[in-house]
Amino acid sequence: MRRLTYLPIEQIKIILLLFVFLMAAGCSGYHKPDVPQIDNFMPLSPEAPGSKPPEMSTAKGDMPPSLVRSGEHWLTLEGCVLIALDKNPLNRAAKEGVVAVEEAVGEARAPYFPTLGVRSGYSRWQRHAFLPSGVPATADEIGPTDEWSAGLETRLTLFDFGERRAKLQAAIAEQGMAEEDAARIRQDIALDVHRSFYSLVAARENLLVAEKNLARTEDHLGLINTRHEAGAVPIADVYRARVEVADSRLELVRAKNLVRLTSGDLNTAMGLPVELAVEVDARGEKIGSPDDIALDQAFDQAVHMRPVLKSALQRIAARRHRVDEARSAFGPTMEAQGSYGWRDDEFTPEDEEWLVGLSLDLPLFTGFSRKHKLSRTKAELRQTEAETLRLIQQVRQEVWTAHSKWTESFEAIQAAGVLVKDAQESMRTTRKRYEVGAGTITDLLDAQTALARAEAMDVAARWDYHIAKAQLHRSTGALLGGTQ
């Protein structure tokens, strides 16, 4: 009859405690994730005590030199771009993305080095001994016995049919992709700042236009009241003039709100709190003719400098190396391995053991997975190449559109300048005629409306020109120049 062996009560307690510990460790995985609070990411309000943003500090030493003017904080366009590149979360995310792929390159390079590890363990076991008939044995059980072990293990891949090299080259290409994507994001941020900056300046000039128009309508209302009291014009002219004054005041309200909105847009583009009060230096740049830029050279510059196309080329390189990686699965892998350690039935084992050897691994059949993987990577490569051709067309179209818009805005500036002069002269002569009774209220108000419209068109044309010029520089990849 088979002899039953019972474990001592102390070992049973240890096993039970170990079981409880493992159960508790397993249950810990059912806890909810540690989600951060949104308040941890909120920017400090400028009105809150001690919440003065660093870039708006009252000390000149805390401000870039280009932002300090006559003891006050004036943000130039260049200064706004510098703040955006420092504070905008998109740029920070792009930088961290580059760091992440740099670490991925390190991961891809790691298989070229040997791995080294320490192992140790303990077990208590008992096994039944199945012996051939006729072999004498004192017992049919081995154990129970303790087994303690400790040692070092190392492993090094000697040959893998190009898999490590392909993975490393693909990782380096993906690092180039991330760097070019970061450059594209910086240019997009700079373009957003240009648009917001010029829109704010245009909104403030439109506010001045609205204030001047309101002053004109109130002056005209005074003139019409004087003539009405003299019996020269009917009361209907007074009412029409009052309507124009009310409409001008409404336009002034809209112009003030537009300044608030565009100021918030600029703050957001710079990565600052939207409610932060800023002052901008609105010195206009020189107005140049679009003929100064050759369209053929702009096309060539865009194709060679745009980060989106450089990133596409890096993506093609990465896809090609992924094809090499998939092809390497058809070859053998050779590894060297070794270990040295001790094993015994005591807590401090003394019996030495070691191992040195080579292993060769060559899969013969994997369910056609290697074939499908190779076909998939080749298709992805062809897809990326086709997408790059489409990107080239898109980049050239952006240059064409930006250049056309720049040409339009330049011509609009010339036309708007003439329009303002003619509208001012029309306003002057129409008022004189009305003062002597040779003109009607309709002529006066029409001339007033035409002048206000002409002044607004002049403001829009001048600052649209600068926005279109920035868009053209961005489309050719030269918006940031040497500040990338």
Foldseek 3Di string as FASTA:
>chain_A
DADDDDDDPVVVVVVVVVVVVVVVVVVVVPDDDDDDDVVVVDQDDCVDPPRNDQQQDQDPVSHDPVQDDPSHGAQELVNLLVLQCVAAVVLVVLVVVLVVLVVVLVVLCVLQDKDKDKDKDKDFDKDFADDDPPDDDPHRMDDRFMKIKIWMKMKHWDDQQCQSVLSNQLSVLVSLLSVLVSLLVSLVLSLLLLVLVLQLVLLVLLLVLLVVLLVVLVVVLVLVVVCVVVVLDDCVLNVVSVVSNVVSVVSNVVSVVSNLVSQLSSCNSSNHHSNDDHHHDPDADDQDALVVDDLVVLLVLLCPARSVLSSLVSNLSSLVSQLSNLVSLQDKIKMWMKMKIFMDRDPDGDHIDMDTDMDIDGDDDDPCPSVVSNVVSVVVSVVSVVVSVVVSVVLSVLLVVLSVQLNVLSVLLVVLVVQLVVLVVQQVVQVVCVSVPNHDSVSNVVSSVSNSVSSSSNSCSRSSNSSSVLSNCVSSNPNPPPPD
